[in-house]
Amino acid sequence: QVRLVESGGGLAQPGGSLRLFCAASVRTWGTYVMDWFRQAPGKERECVAAISWNAGKEYYADFVKGRFTIAKDNAKNTVILQMDSLKPEDTAVYYCAAEPARDNSYHTGVDEYTYWGQGTQVTVSS
């Protein structure tokens, strides 16, 4: 059983930064593909960033490229999402997701992940 716990959400001003953390309780953390998704009210859950099990490949949605950075710390069983230059449209509940790796790639689809955290609210407003 994999348990994921997000933290680090909160309120930020436009142009500000937040750092999200996802801690995993699994022994074989190093073999998991990780993703950050977000869901705004009335919208579908969408992929924000993804990283392969060995952090060799990363994916960023066009709307966060150049502003967000995903990182995986296998020694600490943690995946981090550094969010800079935040915009009001980044307001959403952010979820981390994990899936055992089948190859050296990442996933971007909601249906491709088995394990999910409970979500953390990010609000960008002045």
N, C-alpha and C. Protein backbone atom coordinates (compact mmCIF):
# COMPACT_ATOMS: atom_id res chain seq x y z
N GLN A 1 0.84 -1.18 0.00
CA GLN A 1 0.00 0.00 0.00
C GLN A 1 0.89 1.25 0.00
N VAL A 2 0.57 2.19 -0.88
CA VAL A 2 1.33 3.42 -0.99
C VAL A 2 0.47 4.56 -0.44
N ARG A 3 1.02 5.31 0.48
CA ARG A 3 0.32 6.48 1.01
C ARG A 3 1.10 7.73 0.64
N LEU A 4 0.38 8.70 0.06
CA LEU A 4 0.99 9.95 -0.36
C LEU A 4 0.38 11.10 0.43
N VAL A 5 1.23 11.97 0.94
CA VAL A 5 0.75 13.11 1.73
C VAL A 5 1.36 14.38 1.18
N GLU A 6 0.50 15.29 0.69
CA GLU A 6 0.99 16.57 0.18
C GLU A 6 1.03 17.61 1.29
N SER A 7 1.92 18.58 1.11
CA SER A 7 1.99 19.72 2.02
C SER A 7 2.59 20.90 1.26
N GLY A 8 2.49 22.08 1.85
CA GLY A 8 3.12 23.25 1.26
C GLY A 8 2.19 24.18 0.53
N GLY A 9 0.92 23.82 0.40
CA GLY A 9 -0.01 24.72 -0.26
C GLY A 9 -0.32 25.92 0.61
N GLY A 10 -1.07 26.84 0.03
CA GLY A 10 -1.45 28.04 0.79
C GLY A 10 -1.78 29.18 -0.14
N LEU A 11 -1.65 30.38 0.38
CA LEU A 11 -1.98 31.58 -0.35
C LEU A 11 -0.71 32.28 -0.81
N ALA A 12 -0.69 32.68 -2.06
CA ALA A 12 0.45 33.43 -2.60
C ALA A 12 -0.07 34.57 -3.44
N GLN A 13 0.70 35.61 -3.55
CA GLN A 13 0.35 36.73 -4.40
C GLN A 13 0.79 36.45 -5.83
N PRO A 14 0.13 37.05 -6.80
CA PRO A 14 0.60 36.90 -8.18
C PRO A 14 2.07 37.29 -8.31
N GLY A 15 2.81 36.44 -9.00
CA GLY A 15 4.25 36.65 -9.13
C GLY A 15 5.05 36.00 -8.02
N GLY A 16 4.37 35.49 -7.01
CA GLY A 16 5.05 34.86 -5.89
C GLY A 16 5.38 33.40 -6.14
N SER A 17 5.84 32.74 -5.08
CA SER A 17 6.29 31.35 -5.17
C SER A 17 5.71 30.51 -4.04
N LEU A 18 5.55 29.25 -4.33
CA LEU A 18 5.21 28.24 -3.33
C LEU A 18 5.96 26.97 -3.68
N ARG A 19 6.21 26.16 -2.67
CA ARG A 19 6.84 24.86 -2.89
C ARG A 19 5.96 23.79 -2.28
N LEU A 20 5.57 22.84 -3.11
CA LEU A 20 4.75 21.72 -2.67
C LEU A 20 5.60 20.49 -2.45
N PHE A 21 5.25 19.73 -1.41
CA PHE A 21 5.95 18.50 -1.10
C PHE A 21 4.97 17.34 -1.12
N CYS A 22 5.45 16.20 -1.56
CA CYS A 22 4.66 14.98 -1.51
C CYS A 22 5.54 13.90 -0.89
N ALA A 23 5.15 13.45 0.28
CA ALA A 23 5.91 12.42 0.97
C ALA A 23 5.22 11.07 0.80
N ALA A 24 6.00 10.05 0.49
CA ALA A 24 5.45 8.74 0.22
C ALA A 24 5.90 7.72 1.25
N SER A 25 4.97 6.87 1.65
CA SER A 25 5.31 5.80 2.58
C SER A 25 5.36 4.49 1.80
N VAL A 26 6.48 4.26 1.17
CA VAL A 26 6.68 3.04 0.40
C VAL A 26 8.17 2.75 0.37
N ARG A 27 8.53 1.47 0.51
CA ARG A 27 9.95 1.14 0.60
C ARG A 27 10.66 1.28 -0.73
N THR A 28 9.93 0.99 -1.83
CA THR A 28 10.56 0.99 -3.16
C THR A 28 10.27 2.30 -3.89
N TRP A 29 10.35 3.40 -3.17
CA TRP A 29 10.01 4.71 -3.73
C TRP A 29 10.80 5.01 -5.00
N GLY A 30 12.02 4.55 -5.05
CA GLY A 30 12.88 4.86 -6.18
C GLY A 30 12.40 4.27 -7.49
N THR A 31 11.43 3.37 -7.46
CA THR A 31 10.95 2.73 -8.69
C THR A 31 9.59 3.26 -9.13
N TYR A 32 9.18 4.40 -8.58
CA TYR A 32 7.87 4.94 -8.90
C TYR A 32 7.97 6.16 -9.81
N VAL A 33 7.07 6.23 -10.76
CA VAL A 33 6.86 7.42 -11.59
C VAL A 33 5.97 8.37 -10.80
N MET A 34 6.26 9.66 -10.86
CA MET A 34 5.51 10.63 -10.07
C MET A 34 4.94 11.74 -10.95
N ASP A 35 3.84 12.30 -10.47
CA ASP A 35 3.19 13.36 -11.23
C ASP A 35 2.53 14.33 -10.25
N TRP A 36 2.42 15.56 -10.65
CA TRP A 36 1.59 16.55 -9.97
C TRP A 36 0.44 16.90 -10.92
N PHE A 37 -0.77 16.78 -10.40
CA PHE A 37 -1.97 17.20 -11.13
C PHE A 37 -2.60 18.37 -10.37
N ARG A 38 -3.54 19.04 -11.01
CA ARG A 38 -4.30 20.06 -10.32
C ARG A 38 -5.74 20.06 -10.83
N GLN A 39 -6.63 20.52 -9.99
CA GLN A 39 -8.03 20.58 -10.36
C GLN A 39 -8.64 21.86 -9.79
N ALA A 40 -9.10 22.70 -10.69
CA ALA A 40 -9.78 23.93 -10.31
C ALA A 40 -11.28 23.68 -10.27
N PRO A 41 -12.03 24.47 -9.53
CA PRO A 41 -13.49 24.27 -9.44
C PRO A 41 -14.14 24.26 -10.82
N GLY A 42 -14.94 23.24 -11.07
CA GLY A 42 -15.65 23.14 -12.32
C GLY A 42 -14.83 22.67 -13.50
N LYS A 43 -13.57 22.32 -13.25
CA LYS A 43 -12.69 21.87 -14.34
C LYS A 43 -12.20 20.45 -14.09
N GLU A 44 -11.73 19.81 -15.15
CA GLU A 44 -11.19 18.47 -15.02
C GLU A 44 -9.78 18.53 -14.41
N ARG A 45 -9.41 17.42 -13.80
CA ARG A 45 -8.06 17.31 -13.26
C ARG A 45 -7.07 17.25 -14.43
N GLU A 46 -6.00 18.03 -14.32
CA GLU A 46 -5.03 18.10 -15.40
C GLU A 46 -3.61 17.91 -14.89
N CYS A 47 -2.78 17.35 -15.78
CA CYS A 47 -1.39 17.12 -15.45
C CYS A 47 -0.62 18.45 -15.46
N VAL A 48 0.16 18.66 -14.44
CA VAL A 48 1.00 19.85 -14.33
C VAL A 48 2.45 19.51 -14.69
N ALA A 49 2.98 18.46 -14.05
CA ALA A 49 4.36 18.06 -14.28
C ALA A 49 4.51 16.60 -13.91
N ALA A 50 5.43 15.92 -14.58
CA ALA A 50 5.67 14.50 -14.32
C ALA A 50 7.17 14.23 -14.36
N ILE A 51 7.58 13.15 -13.68
CA ILE A 51 9.00 12.80 -13.64
C ILE A 51 9.15 11.30 -13.63
N SER A 52 10.12 10.80 -14.37
CA SER A 52 10.33 9.36 -14.44
C SER A 52 10.96 8.84 -13.15
N TRP A 53 11.01 7.52 -13.00
CA TRP A 53 11.42 6.93 -11.72
C TRP A 53 12.83 7.32 -11.32
N ASN A 54 13.72 7.49 -12.29
CA ASN A 54 15.10 7.85 -11.96
C ASN A 54 15.38 9.33 -12.19
N ALA A 55 14.29 10.11 -12.38
CA ALA A 55 14.39 11.56 -12.60
C ALA A 55 15.13 11.90 -13.89
N GLY A 56 15.25 10.92 -14.78
CA GLY A 56 15.95 11.20 -16.03
C GLY A 56 15.11 11.92 -17.06
N LYS A 57 13.78 11.83 -16.92
CA LYS A 57 12.88 12.50 -17.87
C LYS A 57 11.84 13.30 -17.09
N GLU A 58 11.55 14.49 -17.61
CA GLU A 58 10.56 15.36 -16.99
C GLU A 58 9.59 15.85 -18.05
N TYR A 59 8.37 16.13 -17.59
CA TYR A 59 7.35 16.69 -18.46
C TYR A 59 6.70 17.87 -17.75
N TYR A 60 6.43 18.92 -18.53
CA TYR A 60 5.73 20.08 -18.01
C TYR A 60 4.61 20.46 -18.97
N ALA A 61 3.44 20.72 -18.43
CA ALA A 61 2.36 21.25 -19.25
C ALA A 61 2.77 22.63 -19.77
N ASP A 62 2.29 22.98 -20.93
CA ASP A 62 2.66 24.25 -21.55
C ASP A 62 2.37 25.43 -20.62
N PHE A 63 1.30 25.35 -19.85
CA PHE A 63 0.90 26.50 -19.05
C PHE A 63 1.78 26.71 -17.82
N VAL A 64 2.74 25.80 -17.55
CA VAL A 64 3.65 25.99 -16.41
C VAL A 64 5.11 25.97 -16.84
N LYS A 65 5.39 25.72 -18.10
CA LYS A 65 6.78 25.66 -18.56
C LYS A 65 7.51 26.96 -18.24
N GLY A 66 8.71 26.81 -17.69
CA GLY A 66 9.51 27.97 -17.34
C GLY A 66 9.17 28.57 -15.99
N ARG A 67 8.09 28.10 -15.37
CA ARG A 67 7.68 28.65 -14.08
C ARG A 67 7.73 27.60 -12.95
N PHE A 68 7.41 26.35 -13.28
CA PHE A 68 7.37 25.28 -12.29
C PHE A 68 8.51 24.31 -12.53
N THR A 69 8.99 23.67 -11.45
CA THR A 69 10.03 22.67 -11.54
C THR A 69 9.67 21.49 -10.66
N ILE A 70 9.76 20.29 -11.23
CA ILE A 70 9.50 19.08 -10.45
C ILE A 70 10.84 18.41 -10.13
N ALA A 71 10.93 17.85 -8.93
CA ALA A 71 12.16 17.18 -8.52
C ALA A 71 11.80 15.99 -7.66
N LYS A 72 12.61 14.95 -7.73
CA LYS A 72 12.33 13.71 -6.99
C LYS A 72 13.54 13.41 -6.14
N ASP A 73 13.33 13.26 -4.84
CA ASP A 73 14.39 12.92 -3.91
C ASP A 73 14.13 11.49 -3.43
N ASN A 74 14.80 10.54 -4.07
CA ASN A 74 14.54 9.14 -3.74
C ASN A 74 15.04 8.79 -2.34
N ALA A 75 16.05 9.48 -1.86
CA ALA A 75 16.58 9.19 -0.53
C ALA A 75 15.58 9.60 0.55
N LYS A 76 14.75 10.61 0.25
CA LYS A 76 13.79 11.10 1.23
C LYS A 76 12.36 10.72 0.91
N ASN A 77 12.17 9.88 -0.11
CA ASN A 77 10.81 9.47 -0.51
C ASN A 77 9.91 10.68 -0.75
N THR A 78 10.42 11.66 -1.46
CA THR A 78 9.69 12.92 -1.63
C THR A 78 9.76 13.38 -3.08
N VAL A 79 8.67 13.98 -3.53
CA VAL A 79 8.67 14.68 -4.81
C VAL A 79 8.23 16.12 -4.52
N ILE A 80 8.91 17.05 -5.15
CA ILE A 80 8.72 18.47 -4.88
C ILE A 80 8.26 19.17 -6.15
N LEU A 81 7.37 20.13 -5.98
CA LEU A 81 6.97 21.00 -7.07
C LEU A 81 7.27 22.44 -6.66
N GLN A 82 8.28 23.03 -7.27
CA GLN A 82 8.62 24.42 -7.04
C GLN A 82 7.82 25.27 -8.01
N MET A 83 7.01 26.17 -7.48
CA MET A 83 6.13 26.99 -8.32
C MET A 83 6.54 28.45 -8.18
N ASP A 84 7.01 29.03 -9.26
CA ASP A 84 7.42 30.43 -9.29
C ASP A 84 6.54 31.20 -10.28
N SER A 85 6.61 32.52 -10.17
CA SER A 85 5.83 33.40 -11.05
C SER A 85 4.36 32.97 -11.11
N LEU A 86 3.80 32.76 -9.95
CA LEU A 86 2.43 32.25 -9.87
C LEU A 86 1.44 33.24 -10.45
N LYS A 87 0.38 32.68 -11.03
CA LYS A 87 -0.69 33.47 -11.63
C LYS A 87 -2.01 33.09 -10.97
N PRO A 88 -2.99 33.97 -10.99
CA PRO A 88 -4.30 33.63 -10.40
C PRO A 88 -4.88 32.35 -11.00
N GLU A 89 -4.62 32.10 -12.27
CA GLU A 89 -5.15 30.89 -12.90
C GLU A 89 -4.47 29.61 -12.44
N ASP A 90 -3.43 29.73 -11.61
CA ASP A 90 -2.81 28.54 -11.01
C ASP A 90 -3.59 28.09 -9.77
N THR A 91 -4.58 28.85 -9.37
CA THR A 91 -5.38 28.48 -8.21
C THR A 91 -6.11 27.17 -8.45
N ALA A 92 -5.89 26.19 -7.57
CA ALA A 92 -6.47 24.86 -7.73
C ALA A 92 -6.07 24.01 -6.53
N VAL A 93 -6.67 22.83 -6.44
CA VAL A 93 -6.17 21.81 -5.52
C VAL A 93 -5.13 21.00 -6.28
N TYR A 94 -3.97 20.87 -5.69
CA TYR A 94 -2.86 20.15 -6.32
C TYR A 94 -2.73 18.77 -5.69
N TYR A 95 -2.62 17.76 -6.54
CA TYR A 95 -2.51 16.37 -6.10
C TYR A 95 -1.21 15.77 -6.61
N CYS A 96 -0.57 14.96 -5.79
CA CYS A 96 0.53 14.15 -6.31
C CYS A 96 0.00 12.74 -6.56
N ALA A 97 0.62 12.08 -7.51
CA ALA A 97 0.21 10.74 -7.91
C ALA A 97 1.44 9.89 -8.16
N ALA A 98 1.30 8.60 -7.91
CA ALA A 98 2.43 7.69 -8.06
C ALA A 98 1.99 6.40 -8.75
N GLU A 99 2.91 5.84 -9.50
CA GLU A 99 2.65 4.59 -10.21
C GLU A 99 3.96 3.83 -10.35
N PRO A 100 3.95 2.51 -10.10
CA PRO A 100 5.19 1.74 -10.32
C PRO A 100 5.67 1.90 -11.75
N ALA A 101 6.95 2.11 -11.92
CA ALA A 101 7.50 2.34 -13.26
C ALA A 101 7.53 1.05 -14.07
N ARG A 102 7.15 1.17 -15.34
CA ARG A 102 7.25 0.04 -16.27
C ARG A 102 8.42 0.23 -17.23
N ASP A 103 8.84 1.47 -17.37
CA ASP A 103 9.97 1.79 -18.25
C ASP A 103 10.57 3.10 -17.78
N ASN A 104 11.49 3.64 -18.55
CA ASN A 104 12.15 4.87 -18.15
C ASN A 104 11.43 6.08 -18.72
N SER A 105 10.14 6.17 -18.45
CA SER A 105 9.37 7.28 -18.97
C SER A 105 8.45 7.82 -17.88
N TYR A 106 7.56 8.74 -18.22
CA TYR A 106 6.61 9.31 -17.28
C TYR A 106 5.20 9.13 -17.83
N HIS A 107 4.22 9.45 -17.00
CA HIS A 107 2.82 9.38 -17.42
C HIS A 107 2.20 10.75 -17.26
N THR A 108 1.20 11.05 -18.07
CA THR A 108 0.51 12.34 -17.93
C THR A 108 -0.99 12.20 -17.79
N GLY A 109 -1.51 11.00 -17.88
CA GLY A 109 -2.95 10.78 -17.81
C GLY A 109 -3.41 10.41 -16.41
N VAL A 110 -4.58 10.93 -16.04
CA VAL A 110 -5.16 10.61 -14.73
C VAL A 110 -5.33 9.11 -14.57
N ASP A 111 -5.75 8.44 -15.62
CA ASP A 111 -6.02 7.00 -15.57
C ASP A 111 -4.76 6.16 -15.46
N GLU A 112 -3.60 6.78 -15.62
CA GLU A 112 -2.34 6.03 -15.59
C GLU A 112 -1.74 5.94 -14.20
N TYR A 113 -2.39 6.53 -13.22
CA TYR A 113 -1.87 6.52 -11.86
C TYR A 113 -2.82 5.80 -10.92
N THR A 114 -2.25 4.97 -10.06
CA THR A 114 -3.02 4.19 -9.10
C THR A 114 -3.12 4.88 -7.75
N TYR A 115 -2.05 5.53 -7.32
CA TYR A 115 -1.98 6.08 -5.97
C TYR A 115 -2.04 7.61 -6.02
N TRP A 116 -2.85 8.16 -5.11
CA TRP A 116 -3.09 9.59 -5.08
C TRP A 116 -3.01 10.12 -3.65
N GLY A 117 -2.55 11.36 -3.53
CA GLY A 117 -2.62 12.04 -2.26
C GLY A 117 -3.99 12.68 -2.09
N GLN A 118 -4.19 13.33 -0.95
CA GLN A 118 -5.48 13.93 -0.62
C GLN A 118 -5.63 15.33 -1.21
N GLY A 119 -4.54 15.90 -1.67
CA GLY A 119 -4.59 17.22 -2.29
C GLY A 119 -4.25 18.34 -1.33
N THR A 120 -3.71 19.41 -1.88
CA THR A 120 -3.40 20.60 -1.09
C THR A 120 -3.84 21.83 -1.89
N GLN A 121 -4.50 22.76 -1.21
CA GLN A 121 -5.05 23.94 -1.88
C GLN A 121 -3.97 24.97 -2.14
N VAL A 122 -3.94 25.47 -3.36
CA VAL A 122 -3.07 26.59 -3.73
C VAL A 122 -3.98 27.71 -4.23
N THR A 123 -3.85 28.87 -3.61
CA THR A 123 -4.65 30.03 -4.00
C THR A 123 -3.71 31.18 -4.33
N VAL A 124 -3.87 31.73 -5.52
CA VAL A 124 -3.04 32.85 -5.95
C VAL A 124 -3.95 34.06 -6.10
N SER A 125 -3.75 35.02 -5.24
CA SER A 125 -4.64 36.18 -5.22
C SER A 125 -3.96 37.34 -4.52
N SER A 126 -4.28 38.55 -4.97
CA SER A 126 -3.74 39.73 -4.32
C SER A 126 -4.72 40.23 -3.26
